[in-house]
Amino acid sequence: KYVEYMGGADAILSKAQDDFEKGEYRWVA
């Protein structure tokens, strides 16, 4: 359900990769 609400796998990975590059590792995890 989280994946569905968050726009699907590609949307999650795109935003999470951006956050990884910002050093927001806790949130990415």
mmCIF file of all heavy atoms, coordinates in Angstrom:
data_MODEL
# 
_entry.id   MODEL 
# 
loop_
_atom_site.group_PDB 
_atom_site.id 
_atom_site.type_symbol 
_atom_site.label_atom_id 
_atom_site.label_alt_id 
_atom_site.label_comp_id 
_atom_site.label_asym_id 
_atom_site.label_entity_id 
_atom_site.label_seq_id 
_atom_site.pdbx_PDB_ins_code 
_atom_site.Cartn_x 
_atom_site.Cartn_y 
_atom_site.Cartn_z 
_atom_site.occupancy 
_atom_site.B_iso_or_equiv 
_atom_site.pdbx_formal_charge 
_atom_site.auth_seq_id 
_atom_site.auth_comp_id 
_atom_site.auth_asym_id 
_atom_site.auth_atom_id 
_atom_site.pdbx_PDB_model_num 
ATOM 1   N N   . LYS A 1 1  ? 0.832  -1.210 0.000   1.00 0.00 ? 1  LYS A N   1 
ATOM 2   C CA  . LYS A 1 1  ? 0.000  0.000  0.000   1.00 0.00 ? 1  LYS A CA  1 
ATOM 3   C C   . LYS A 1 1  ? 0.867  1.262  0.000   1.00 0.00 ? 1  LYS A C   1 
ATOM 4   O O   . LYS A 1 1  ? 0.545  2.242  -0.670  1.00 0.00 ? 1  LYS A O   1 
ATOM 5   C CB  . LYS A 1 1  ? -0.935 -0.006 1.208   1.00 0.00 ? 1  LYS A CB  1 
ATOM 6   C CG  . LYS A 1 1  ? -1.880 -1.196 1.274   1.00 0.00 ? 1  LYS A CG  1 
ATOM 7   C CD  . LYS A 1 1  ? -2.792 -1.267 0.061   1.00 0.00 ? 1  LYS A CD  1 
ATOM 8   C CE  . LYS A 1 1  ? -3.801 -0.145 0.007   1.00 0.00 ? 1  LYS A CE  1 
ATOM 9   N NZ  . LYS A 1 1  ? -4.718 -0.277 -1.150  1.00 0.00 ? 1  LYS A NZ  1 
ATOM 10  N N   . TYR A 1 2  ? 1.974  1.257  0.755   1.00 0.00 ? 2  TYR A N   1 
ATOM 11  C CA  . TYR A 1 2  ? 2.872  2.406  0.739   1.00 0.00 ? 2  TYR A CA  1 
ATOM 12  C C   . TYR A 1 2  ? 3.375  2.679  -0.681  1.00 0.00 ? 2  TYR A C   1 
ATOM 13  O O   . TYR A 1 2  ? 3.395  3.819  -1.152  1.00 0.00 ? 2  TYR A O   1 
ATOM 14  C CB  . TYR A 1 2  ? 4.071  2.176  1.662   1.00 0.00 ? 2  TYR A CB  1 
ATOM 15  C CG  . TYR A 1 2  ? 3.848  2.529  3.109   1.00 0.00 ? 2  TYR A CG  1 
ATOM 16  C CD1 . TYR A 1 2  ? 3.913  1.560  4.111   1.00 0.00 ? 2  TYR A CD1 1 
ATOM 17  C CD2 . TYR A 1 2  ? 3.603  3.839  3.491   1.00 0.00 ? 2  TYR A CD2 1 
ATOM 18  C CE1 . TYR A 1 2  ? 3.718  1.881  5.441   1.00 0.00 ? 2  TYR A CE1 1 
ATOM 19  C CE2 . TYR A 1 2  ? 3.418  4.178  4.821   1.00 0.00 ? 2  TYR A CE2 1 
ATOM 20  C CZ  . TYR A 1 2  ? 3.470  3.194  5.799   1.00 0.00 ? 2  TYR A CZ  1 
ATOM 21  O OH  . TYR A 1 2  ? 3.277  3.522  7.114   1.00 0.00 ? 2  TYR A OH  1 
ATOM 22  N N   . VAL A 1 3  ? 3.794  1.633  -1.366  1.00 0.00 ? 3  VAL A N   1 
ATOM 23  C CA  . VAL A 1 3  ? 4.319  1.798  -2.723  1.00 0.00 ? 3  VAL A CA  1 
ATOM 24  C C   . VAL A 1 3  ? 3.246  2.354  -3.649  1.00 0.00 ? 3  VAL A C   1 
ATOM 25  O O   . VAL A 1 3  ? 3.497  3.248  -4.470  1.00 0.00 ? 3  VAL A O   1 
ATOM 26  C CB  . VAL A 1 3  ? 4.888  0.469  -3.246  1.00 0.00 ? 3  VAL A CB  1 
ATOM 27  C CG1 . VAL A 1 3  ? 5.234  0.571  -4.731  1.00 0.00 ? 3  VAL A CG1 1 
ATOM 28  C CG2 . VAL A 1 3  ? 6.119  0.064  -2.445  1.00 0.00 ? 3  VAL A CG2 1 
ATOM 29  N N   . GLU A 1 4  ? 2.027  1.840  -3.496  1.00 0.00 ? 4  GLU A N   1 
ATOM 30  C CA  . GLU A 1 4  ? 0.919  2.345  -4.308  1.00 0.00 ? 4  GLU A CA  1 
ATOM 31  C C   . GLU A 1 4  ? 0.672  3.823  -4.024  1.00 0.00 ? 4  GLU A C   1 
ATOM 32  O O   . GLU A 1 4  ? 0.557  4.646  -4.950  1.00 0.00 ? 4  GLU A O   1 
ATOM 33  C CB  . GLU A 1 4  ? -0.343 1.533  -4.014  1.00 0.00 ? 4  GLU A CB  1 
ATOM 34  C CG  . GLU A 1 4  ? -1.588 2.017  -4.745  1.00 0.00 ? 4  GLU A CG  1 
ATOM 35  C CD  . GLU A 1 4  ? -2.853 1.326  -4.273  1.00 0.00 ? 4  GLU A CD  1 
ATOM 36  O OE1 . GLU A 1 4  ? -2.753 0.271  -3.615  1.00 0.00 ? 4  GLU A OE1 1 
ATOM 37  O OE2 . GLU A 1 4  ? -3.952 1.856  -4.538  1.00 0.00 ? 4  GLU A OE2 1 
ATOM 38  N N   . TYR A 1 5  ? 0.602  4.199  -2.750  1.00 0.00 ? 5  TYR A N   1 
ATOM 39  C CA  . TYR A 1 5  ? 0.323  5.588  -2.377  1.00 0.00 ? 5  TYR A CA  1 
ATOM 40  C C   . TYR A 1 5  ? 1.460  6.529  -2.779  1.00 0.00 ? 5  TYR A C   1 
ATOM 41  O O   . TYR A 1 5  ? 1.230  7.717  -3.025  1.00 0.00 ? 5  TYR A O   1 
ATOM 42  C CB  . TYR A 1 5  ? 0.104  5.684  -0.866  1.00 0.00 ? 5  TYR A CB  1 
ATOM 43  C CG  . TYR A 1 5  ? -1.296 5.355  -0.393  1.00 0.00 ? 5  TYR A CG  1 
ATOM 44  C CD1 . TYR A 1 5  ? -2.033 4.325  -0.976  1.00 0.00 ? 5  TYR A CD1 1 
ATOM 45  C CD2 . TYR A 1 5  ? -1.878 6.053  0.654   1.00 0.00 ? 5  TYR A CD2 1 
ATOM 46  C CE1 . TYR A 1 5  ? -3.302 4.006  -0.531  1.00 0.00 ? 5  TYR A CE1 1 
ATOM 47  C CE2 . TYR A 1 5  ? -3.151 5.748  1.115   1.00 0.00 ? 5  TYR A CE2 1 
ATOM 48  C CZ  . TYR A 1 5  ? -3.864 4.722  0.520   1.00 0.00 ? 5  TYR A CZ  1 
ATOM 49  O OH  . TYR A 1 5  ? -5.123 4.414  0.960   1.00 0.00 ? 5  TYR A OH  1 
ATOM 50  N N   . MET A 1 6  ? 2.674  6.011  -2.804  1.00 0.00 ? 6  MET A N   1 
ATOM 51  C CA  . MET A 1 6  ? 3.843  6.844  -3.069  1.00 0.00 ? 6  MET A CA  1 
ATOM 52  C C   . MET A 1 6  ? 4.165  6.936  -4.559  1.00 0.00 ? 6  MET A C   1 
ATOM 53  O O   . MET A 1 6  ? 5.197  7.488  -4.938  1.00 0.00 ? 6  MET A O   1 
ATOM 54  C CB  . MET A 1 6  ? 5.050  6.309  -2.282  1.00 0.00 ? 6  MET A CB  1 
ATOM 55  C CG  . MET A 1 6  ? 4.881  6.463  -0.767  1.00 0.00 ? 6  MET A CG  1 
ATOM 56  S SD  . MET A 1 6  ? 5.870  5.308  0.223   1.00 0.00 ? 6  MET A SD  1 
ATOM 57  C CE  . MET A 1 6  ? 7.507  5.955  -0.026  1.00 0.00 ? 6  MET A CE  1 
ATOM 58  N N   . GLY A 1 7  ? 3.286  6.412  -5.416  1.00 0.00 ? 7  GLY A N   1 
ATOM 59  C CA  . GLY A 1 7  ? 3.445  6.604  -6.853  1.00 0.00 ? 7  GLY A CA  1 
ATOM 60  C C   . GLY A 1 7  ? 4.174  5.509  -7.583  1.00 0.00 ? 7  GLY A C   1 
ATOM 61  O O   . GLY A 1 7  ? 4.526  5.677  -8.752  1.00 0.00 ? 7  GLY A O   1 
ATOM 62  N N   . GLY A 1 8  ? 4.445  4.376  -6.923  1.00 0.00 ? 8  GLY A N   1 
ATOM 63  C CA  . GLY A 1 8  ? 5.086  3.257  -7.582  1.00 0.00 ? 8  GLY A CA  1 
ATOM 64  C C   . GLY A 1 8  ? 6.592  3.231  -7.395  1.00 0.00 ? 8  GLY A C   1 
ATOM 65  O O   . GLY A 1 8  ? 7.211  4.169  -6.880  1.00 0.00 ? 8  GLY A O   1 
ATOM 66  N N   . ALA A 1 9  ? 7.192  2.139  -7.865  1.00 0.00 ? 9  ALA A N   1 
ATOM 67  C CA  . ALA A 1 9  ? 8.600  1.878  -7.624  1.00 0.00 ? 9  ALA A CA  1 
ATOM 68  C C   . ALA A 1 9  ? 9.507  2.945  -8.226  1.00 0.00 ? 9  ALA A C   1 
ATOM 69  O O   . ALA A 1 9  ? 10.451 3.423  -7.580  1.00 0.00 ? 9  ALA A O   1 
ATOM 70  C CB  . ALA A 1 9  ? 8.971  0.495  -8.160  1.00 0.00 ? 9  ALA A CB  1 
ATOM 71  N N   . ASP A 1 10 ? 9.248  3.339  -9.467  1.00 0.00 ? 10 ASP A N   1 
ATOM 72  C CA  . ASP A 1 10 ? 10.122 4.311  -10.116 1.00 0.00 ? 10 ASP A CA  1 
ATOM 73  C C   . ASP A 1 10 ? 10.110 5.652  -9.392  1.00 0.00 ? 10 ASP A C   1 
ATOM 74  O O   . ASP A 1 10 ? 11.158 6.305  -9.243  1.00 0.00 ? 10 ASP A O   1 
ATOM 75  C CB  . ASP A 1 10 ? 9.713  4.495  -11.576 1.00 0.00 ? 10 ASP A CB  1 
ATOM 76  C CG  . ASP A 1 10 ? 10.114 3.313  -12.451 1.00 0.00 ? 10 ASP A CG  1 
ATOM 77  O OD1 . ASP A 1 10 ? 10.968 2.520  -11.996 1.00 0.00 ? 10 ASP A OD1 1 
ATOM 78  O OD2 . ASP A 1 10 ? 9.578  3.171  -13.566 1.00 0.00 ? 10 ASP A OD2 1 
ATOM 79  N N   . ALA A 1 11 ? 8.917  6.071  -8.962  1.00 0.00 ? 11 ALA A N   1 
ATOM 80  C CA  . ALA A 1 11 ? 8.827  7.342  -8.242  1.00 0.00 ? 11 ALA A CA  1 
ATOM 81  C C   . ALA A 1 11 ? 9.609  7.282  -6.937  1.00 0.00 ? 11 ALA A C   1 
ATOM 82  O O   . ALA A 1 11 ? 10.325 8.228  -6.573  1.00 0.00 ? 11 ALA A O   1 
ATOM 83  C CB  . ALA A 1 11 ? 7.362  7.677  -7.967  1.00 0.00 ? 11 ALA A CB  1 
ATOM 84  N N   . ILE A 1 12 ? 9.486  6.175  -6.226  1.00 0.00 ? 12 ILE A N   1 
ATOM 85  C CA  . ILE A 1 12 ? 10.199 6.027  -4.948  1.00 0.00 ? 12 ILE A CA  1 
ATOM 86  C C   . ILE A 1 12 ? 11.705 6.035  -5.182  1.00 0.00 ? 12 ILE A C   1 
ATOM 87  O O   . ILE A 1 12 ? 12.463 6.751  -4.510  1.00 0.00 ? 12 ILE A O   1 
ATOM 88  C CB  . ILE A 1 12 ? 9.764  4.732  -4.238  1.00 0.00 ? 12 ILE A CB  1 
ATOM 89  C CG1 . ILE A 1 12 ? 8.296  4.812  -3.834  1.00 0.00 ? 12 ILE A CG1 1 
ATOM 90  C CG2 . ILE A 1 12 ? 10.640 4.462  -3.025  1.00 0.00 ? 12 ILE A CG2 1 
ATOM 91  C CD1 . ILE A 1 12 ? 7.731  3.499  -3.337  1.00 0.00 ? 12 ILE A CD1 1 
ATOM 92  N N   . LEU A 1 13 ? 12.157 5.245  -6.152  1.00 0.00 ? 13 LEU A N   1 
ATOM 93  C CA  . LEU A 1 13 ? 13.594 5.143  -6.387  1.00 0.00 ? 13 LEU A CA  1 
ATOM 94  C C   . LEU A 1 13 ? 14.192 6.460  -6.850  1.00 0.00 ? 13 LEU A C   1 
ATOM 95  O O   . LEU A 1 13 ? 15.305 6.828  -6.454  1.00 0.00 ? 13 LEU A O   1 
ATOM 96  C CB  . LEU A 1 13 ? 13.871 4.039  -7.411  1.00 0.00 ? 13 LEU A CB  1 
ATOM 97  C CG  . LEU A 1 13 ? 13.663 2.607  -6.909  1.00 0.00 ? 13 LEU A CG  1 
ATOM 98  C CD1 . LEU A 1 13 ? 13.778 1.610  -8.052  1.00 0.00 ? 13 LEU A CD1 1 
ATOM 99  C CD2 . LEU A 1 13 ? 14.665 2.263  -5.813  1.00 0.00 ? 13 LEU A CD2 1 
ATOM 100 N N   . SER A 1 14 ? 13.456 7.198  -7.675  1.00 0.00 ? 14 SER A N   1 
ATOM 101 C CA  . SER A 1 14 ? 13.960 8.479  -8.159  1.00 0.00 ? 14 SER A CA  1 
ATOM 102 C C   . SER A 1 14 ? 14.160 9.455  -7.010  1.00 0.00 ? 14 SER A C   1 
ATOM 103 O O   . SER A 1 14 ? 15.222 10.090 -6.878  1.00 0.00 ? 14 SER A O   1 
ATOM 104 C CB  . SER A 1 14 ? 12.988 9.061  -9.191  1.00 0.00 ? 14 SER A CB  1 
ATOM 105 O OG  . SER A 1 14 ? 13.430 10.328 -9.634  1.00 0.00 ? 14 SER A OG  1 
ATOM 106 N N   . LYS A 1 15 ? 13.151 9.588  -6.183  1.00 0.00 ? 15 LYS A N   1 
ATOM 107 C CA  . LYS A 1 15 ? 13.243 10.519 -5.060  1.00 0.00 ? 15 LYS A CA  1 
ATOM 108 C C   . LYS A 1 15 ? 14.245 10.031 -4.014  1.00 0.00 ? 15 LYS A C   1 
ATOM 109 O O   . LYS A 1 15 ? 14.999 10.824 -3.435  1.00 0.00 ? 15 LYS A O   1 
ATOM 110 C CB  . LYS A 1 15 ? 11.864 10.703 -4.435  1.00 0.00 ? 15 LYS A CB  1 
ATOM 111 C CG  . LYS A 1 15 ? 10.869 11.398 -5.351  1.00 0.00 ? 15 LYS A CG  1 
ATOM 112 C CD  . LYS A 1 15 ? 9.480  11.432 -4.737  1.00 0.00 ? 15 LYS A CD  1 
ATOM 113 C CE  . LYS A 1 15 ? 8.470  12.095 -5.689  1.00 0.00 ? 15 LYS A CE  1 
ATOM 114 N NZ  . LYS A 1 15 ? 7.102  12.077 -5.150  1.00 0.00 ? 15 LYS A NZ  1 
ATOM 115 N N   . ALA A 1 16 ? 14.256 8.731  -3.791  1.00 0.00 ? 16 ALA A N   1 
ATOM 116 C CA  . ALA A 1 16 ? 15.161 8.186  -2.772  1.00 0.00 ? 16 ALA A CA  1 
ATOM 117 C C   . ALA A 1 16 ? 16.617 8.327  -3.201  1.00 0.00 ? 16 ALA A C   1 
ATOM 118 O O   . ALA A 1 16 ? 17.497 8.579  -2.364  1.00 0.00 ? 16 ALA A O   1 
ATOM 119 C CB  . ALA A 1 16 ? 14.821 6.725  -2.490  1.00 0.00 ? 16 ALA A CB  1 
ATOM 120 N N   . GLN A 1 17 ? 16.887 8.155  -4.490  1.00 0.00 ? 17 GLN A N   1 
ATOM 121 C CA  . GLN A 1 17 ? 18.259 8.343  -4.962  1.00 0.00 ? 17 GLN A CA  1 
ATOM 122 C C   . GLN A 1 17 ? 18.694 9.791  -4.769  1.00 0.00 ? 17 GLN A C   1 
ATOM 123 O O   . GLN A 1 17 ? 19.832 10.071 -4.362  1.00 0.00 ? 17 GLN A O   1 
ATOM 124 C CB  . GLN A 1 17 ? 18.378 7.944  -6.429  1.00 0.00 ? 17 GLN A CB  1 
ATOM 125 C CG  . GLN A 1 17 ? 19.772 8.117  -7.017  1.00 0.00 ? 17 GLN A CG  1 
ATOM 126 C CD  . GLN A 1 17 ? 20.826 7.253  -6.334  1.00 0.00 ? 17 GLN A CD  1 
ATOM 127 O OE1 . GLN A 1 17 ? 20.540 6.133  -5.892  1.00 0.00 ? 17 GLN A OE1 1 
ATOM 128 N NE2 . GLN A 1 17 ? 22.044 7.768  -6.222  1.00 0.00 ? 17 GLN A NE2 1 
ATOM 129 N N   . ASP A 1 18 ? 17.792 10.729 -5.033  1.00 0.00 ? 18 ASP A N   1 
ATOM 130 C CA  . ASP A 1 18 ? 18.108 12.144 -4.791  1.00 0.00 ? 18 ASP A CA  1 
ATOM 131 C C   . ASP A 1 18 ? 18.416 12.378 -3.315  1.00 0.00 ? 18 ASP A C   1 
ATOM 132 O O   . ASP A 1 18 ? 19.376 13.100 -2.977  1.00 0.00 ? 18 ASP A O   1 
ATOM 133 C CB  . ASP A 1 18 ? 16.934 13.032 -5.223  1.00 0.00 ? 18 ASP A CB  1 
ATOM 134 C CG  . ASP A 1 18 ? 16.782 13.107 -6.738  1.00 0.00 ? 18 ASP A CG  1 
ATOM 135 O OD1 . ASP A 1 18 ? 17.731 12.734 -7.454  1.00 0.00 ? 18 ASP A OD1 1 
ATOM 136 O OD2 . ASP A 1 18 ? 15.698 13.531 -7.190  1.00 0.00 ? 18 ASP A OD2 1 
ATOM 137 N N   . ASP A 1 19 ? 17.609 11.791 -2.443  1.00 0.00 ? 19 ASP A N   1 
ATOM 138 C CA  . ASP A 1 19 ? 17.833 11.966 -1.007  1.00 0.00 ? 19 ASP A CA  1 
ATOM 139 C C   . ASP A 1 19 ? 19.112 11.279 -0.552  1.00 0.00 ? 19 ASP A C   1 
ATOM 140 O O   . ASP A 1 19 ? 19.795 11.752 0.363   1.00 0.00 ? 19 ASP A O   1 
ATOM 141 C CB  . ASP A 1 19 ? 16.628 11.445 -0.220  1.00 0.00 ? 19 ASP A CB  1 
ATOM 142 C CG  . ASP A 1 19 ? 15.431 12.384 -0.298  1.00 0.00 ? 19 ASP A CG  1 
ATOM 143 O OD1 . ASP A 1 19 ? 15.645 13.581 -0.577  1.00 0.00 ? 19 ASP A OD1 1 
ATOM 144 O OD2 . ASP A 1 19 ? 14.296 11.928 -0.080  1.00 0.00 ? 19 ASP A OD2 1 
ATOM 145 N N   . PHE A 1 20 ? 19.438 10.134 -1.178  1.00 0.00 ? 20 PHE A N   1 
ATOM 146 C CA  . PHE A 1 20 ? 20.707 9.470  -0.861  1.00 0.00 ? 20 PHE A CA  1 
ATOM 147 C C   . PHE A 1 20 ? 21.872 10.406 -1.158  1.00 0.00 ? 20 PHE A C   1 
ATOM 148 O O   . PHE A 1 20 ? 22.811 10.533 -0.355  1.00 0.00 ? 20 PHE A O   1 
ATOM 149 C CB  . PHE A 1 20 ? 20.844 8.180  -1.670  1.00 0.00 ? 20 PHE A CB  1 
ATOM 150 C CG  . PHE A 1 20 ? 22.150 7.468  -1.462  1.00 0.00 ? 20 PHE A CG  1 
ATOM 151 C CD1 . PHE A 1 20 ? 22.321 6.598  -0.392  1.00 0.00 ? 20 PHE A CD1 1 
ATOM 152 C CD2 . PHE A 1 20 ? 23.231 7.689  -2.310  1.00 0.00 ? 20 PHE A CD2 1 
ATOM 153 C CE1 . PHE A 1 20 ? 23.537 5.959  -0.179  1.00 0.00 ? 20 PHE A CE1 1 
ATOM 154 C CE2 . PHE A 1 20 ? 24.447 7.056  -2.109  1.00 0.00 ? 20 PHE A CE2 1 
ATOM 155 C CZ  . PHE A 1 20 ? 24.598 6.187  -1.040  1.00 0.00 ? 20 PHE A CZ  1 
ATOM 156 N N   . GLU A 1 21 ? 21.813 11.089 -2.296  1.00 0.00 ? 21 GLU A N   1 
ATOM 157 C CA  . GLU A 1 21 ? 22.898 11.990 -2.670  1.00 0.00 ? 21 GLU A CA  1 
ATOM 158 C C   . GLU A 1 21 ? 22.965 13.206 -1.751  1.00 0.00 ? 21 GLU A C   1 
ATOM 159 O O   . GLU A 1 21 ? 24.022 13.832 -1.629  1.00 0.00 ? 21 GLU A O   1 
ATOM 160 C CB  . GLU A 1 21 ? 22.719 12.416 -4.128  1.00 0.00 ? 21 GLU A CB  1 
ATOM 161 C CG  . GLU A 1 21 ? 22.954 11.250 -5.090  1.00 0.00 ? 21 GLU A CG  1 
ATOM 162 C CD  . GLU A 1 21 ? 22.526 11.544 -6.518  1.00 0.00 ? 21 GLU A CD  1 
ATOM 163 O OE1 . GLU A 1 21 ? 22.086 12.694 -6.782  1.00 0.00 ? 21 GLU A OE1 1 
ATOM 164 O OE2 . GLU A 1 21 ? 22.618 10.641 -7.357  1.00 0.00 ? 21 GLU A OE2 1 
ATOM 165 N N   . LYS A 1 22 ? 21.860 13.505 -1.069  1.00 0.00 ? 22 LYS A N   1 
ATOM 166 C CA  . LYS A 1 22 ? 21.858 14.592 -0.085  1.00 0.00 ? 22 LYS A CA  1 
ATOM 167 C C   . LYS A 1 22 ? 22.336 14.117 1.297   1.00 0.00 ? 22 LYS A C   1 
ATOM 168 O O   . LYS A 1 22 ? 22.453 14.917 2.225   1.00 0.00 ? 22 LYS A O   1 
ATOM 169 C CB  . LYS A 1 22 ? 20.454 15.169 0.058   1.00 0.00 ? 22 LYS A CB  1 
ATOM 170 C CG  . LYS A 1 22 ? 19.903 15.827 -1.207  1.00 0.00 ? 22 LYS A CG  1 
ATOM 171 C CD  . LYS A 1 22 ? 18.441 16.212 -0.993  1.00 0.00 ? 22 LYS A CD  1 
ATOM 172 C CE  . LYS A 1 22 ? 17.791 16.710 -2.267  1.00 0.00 ? 22 LYS A CE  1 
ATOM 173 N NZ  . LYS A 1 22 ? 16.329 16.939 -2.091  1.00 0.00 ? 22 LYS A NZ  1 
ATOM 174 N N   . GLY A 1 23 ? 22.561 12.818 1.436   1.00 0.00 ? 23 GLY A N   1 
ATOM 175 C CA  . GLY A 1 23 ? 23.007 12.281 2.721   1.00 0.00 ? 23 GLY A CA  1 
ATOM 176 C C   . GLY A 1 23 ? 21.893 11.963 3.693   1.00 0.00 ? 23 GLY A C   1 
ATOM 177 O O   . GLY A 1 23 ? 22.147 11.772 4.891   1.00 0.00 ? 23 GLY A O   1 
ATOM 178 N N   . GLU A 1 24 ? 20.658 11.868 3.206   1.00 0.00 ? 24 GLU A N   1 
ATOM 179 C CA  . GLU A 1 24 ? 19.513 11.583 4.085   1.00 0.00 ? 24 GLU A CA  1 
ATOM 180 C C   . GLU A 1 24 ? 19.298 10.070 4.169   1.00 0.00 ? 24 GLU A C   1 
ATOM 181 O O   . GLU A 1 24 ? 18.259 9.530  3.771   1.00 0.00 ? 24 GLU A O   1 
ATOM 182 C CB  . GLU A 1 24 ? 18.266 12.293 3.572   1.00 0.00 ? 24 GLU A CB  1 
ATOM 183 C CG  . GLU A 1 24 ? 18.410 13.810 3.599   1.00 0.00 ? 24 GLU A CG  1 
ATOM 184 C CD  . GLU A 1 24 ? 17.198 14.542 3.042   1.00 0.00 ? 24 GLU A CD  1 
ATOM 185 O OE1 . GLU A 1 24 ? 16.182 13.877 2.742   1.00 0.00 ? 24 GLU A OE1 1 
ATOM 186 O OE2 . GLU A 1 24 ? 17.265 15.773 2.912   1.00 0.00 ? 24 GLU A OE2 1 
ATOM 187 N N   . TYR A 1 25 ? 20.287 9.367  4.732   1.00 0.00 ? 25 TYR A N   1 
ATOM 188 C CA  . TYR A 1 25 ? 20.323 7.910  4.675   1.00 0.00 ? 25 TYR A CA  1 
ATOM 189 C C   . TYR A 1 25 ? 19.248 7.257  5.542   1.00 0.00 ? 25 TYR A C   1 
ATOM 190 O O   . TYR A 1 25 ? 18.711 6.200  5.186   1.00 0.00 ? 25 TYR A O   1 
ATOM 191 C CB  . TYR A 1 25 ? 21.707 7.398  5.080   1.00 0.00 ? 25 TYR A CB  1 
ATOM 192 C CG  . TYR A 1 25 ? 22.835 8.045  4.304   1.00 0.00 ? 25 TYR A CG  1 
ATOM 193 C CD1 . TYR A 1 25 ? 23.894 8.668  4.969   1.00 0.00 ? 25 TYR A CD1 1 
ATOM 194 C CD2 . TYR A 1 25 ? 22.830 8.065  2.914   1.00 0.00 ? 25 TYR A CD2 1 
ATOM 195 C CE1 . TYR A 1 25 ? 24.926 9.270  4.273   1.00 0.00 ? 25 TYR A CE1 1 
ATOM 196 C CE2 . TYR A 1 25 ? 23.864 8.665  2.197   1.00 0.00 ? 25 TYR A CE2 1 
ATOM 197 C CZ  . TYR A 1 25 ? 24.897 9.273  2.885   1.00 0.00 ? 25 TYR A CZ  1 
ATOM 198 O OH  . TYR A 1 25 ? 25.921 9.890  2.191   1.00 0.00 ? 25 TYR A OH  1 
ATOM 199 N N   . ARG A 1 26 ? 18.948 7.855  6.657   1.00 0.00 ? 26 ARG A N   1 
ATOM 200 C CA  . ARG A 1 26 ? 17.901 7.282  7.520   1.00 0.00 ? 26 ARG A CA  1 
ATOM 201 C C   . ARG A 1 26 ? 16.572 7.255  6.795   1.00 0.00 ? 26 ARG A C   1 
ATOM 202 O O   . ARG A 1 26 ? 15.845 6.261  6.830   1.00 0.00 ? 26 ARG A O   1 
ATOM 203 C CB  . ARG A 1 26 ? 17.771 8.089  8.817   1.00 0.00 ? 26 ARG A CB  1 
ATOM 204 C CG  . ARG A 1 26 ? 18.905 7.904  9.805   1.00 0.00 ? 26 ARG A CG  1 
ATOM 205 C CD  . ARG A 1 26 ? 18.742 8.835  10.999  1.00 0.00 ? 26 ARG A CD  1 
ATOM 206 N NE  . ARG A 1 26 ? 17.602 8.518  11.819  1.00 0.00 ? 26 ARG A NE  1 
ATOM 207 C CZ  . ARG A 1 26 ? 17.142 9.290  12.806  1.00 0.00 ? 26 ARG A CZ  1 
ATOM 208 N NH1 . ARG A 1 26 ? 17.738 10.454 13.057  1.00 0.00 ? 26 ARG A NH1 1 
ATOM 209 N NH2 . ARG A 1 26 ? 16.100 8.924  13.517  1.00 0.00 ? 26 ARG A NH2 1 
ATOM 210 N N   . TRP A 1 27 ? 16.249 8.363  6.154   1.00 0.00 ? 27 TRP A N   1 
ATOM 211 C CA  . TRP A 1 27 ? 14.973 8.425  5.446   1.00 0.00 ? 27 TRP A CA  1 
ATOM 212 C C   . TRP A 1 27 ? 14.955 7.492  4.238   1.00 0.00 ? 27 TRP A C   1 
ATOM 213 O O   . TRP A 1 27 ? 13.971 6.800  3.984   1.00 0.00 ? 27 TRP A O   1 
ATOM 214 C CB  . TRP A 1 27 ? 14.661 9.848  5.004   1.00 0.00 ? 27 TRP A CB  1 
ATOM 215 C CG  . TRP A 1 27 ? 13.531 9.883  4.031   1.00 0.00 ? 27 TRP A CG  1 
ATOM 216 C CD1 . TRP A 1 27 ? 13.563 10.307 2.746   1.00 0.00 ? 27 TRP A CD1 1 
ATOM 217 C CD2 . TRP A 1 27 ? 12.203 9.420  4.257   1.00 0.00 ? 27 TRP A CD2 1 
ATOM 218 N NE1 . TRP A 1 27 ? 12.347 10.143 2.147   1.00 0.00 ? 27 TRP A NE1 1 
ATOM 219 C CE2 . TRP A 1 27 ? 11.484 9.592  3.064   1.00 0.00 ? 27 TRP A CE2 1 
ATOM 220 C CE3 . TRP A 1 27 ? 11.553 8.867  5.364   1.00 0.00 ? 27 TRP A CE3 1 
ATOM 221 C CZ2 . TRP A 1 27 ? 10.151 9.241  2.928   1.00 0.00 ? 27 TRP A CZ2 1 
ATOM 222 C CZ3 . TRP A 1 27 ? 10.211 8.516  5.243   1.00 0.00 ? 27 TRP A CZ3 1 
ATOM 223 C CH2 . TRP A 1 27 ? 9.528  8.697  4.042   1.00 0.00 ? 27 TRP A CH2 1 
ATOM 224 N N   . VAL A 1 28 ? 16.055 7.436  3.510   1.00 0.00 ? 28 VAL A N   1 
ATOM 225 C CA  . VAL A 1 28 ? 16.127 6.524  2.363   1.00 0.00 ? 28 VAL A CA  1 
ATOM 226 C C   . VAL A 1 28 ? 15.891 5.087  2.827   1.00 0.00 ? 28 VAL A C   1 
ATOM 227 O O   . VAL A 1 28 ? 15.158 4.320  2.187   1.00 0.00 ? 28 VAL A O   1 
ATOM 228 C CB  . VAL A 1 28 ? 17.490 6.655  1.648   1.00 0.00 ? 28 VAL A CB  1 
ATOM 229 C CG1 . VAL A 1 28 ? 17.643 5.580  0.569   1.00 0.00 ? 28 VAL A CG1 1 
ATOM 230 C CG2 . VAL A 1 28 ? 17.626 8.044  1.027   1.00 0.00 ? 28 VAL A CG2 1 
ATOM 231 N N   . ALA A 1 29 ? 16.490 4.717  3.945   1.00 0.00 ? 29 ALA A N   1 
ATOM 232 C CA  . ALA A 1 29 ? 16.303 3.358  4.470   1.00 0.00 ? 29 ALA A CA  1 
ATOM 233 C C   . ALA A 1 29 ? 14.839 3.099  4.809   1.00 0.00 ? 29 ALA A C   1 
ATOM 234 O O   . ALA A 1 29 ? 14.299 2.032  4.495   1.00 0.00 ? 29 ALA A O   1 
ATOM 235 C CB  . ALA A 1 29 ? 17.187 3.141  5.695   1.00 0.00 ? 29 ALA A CB  1 
# 
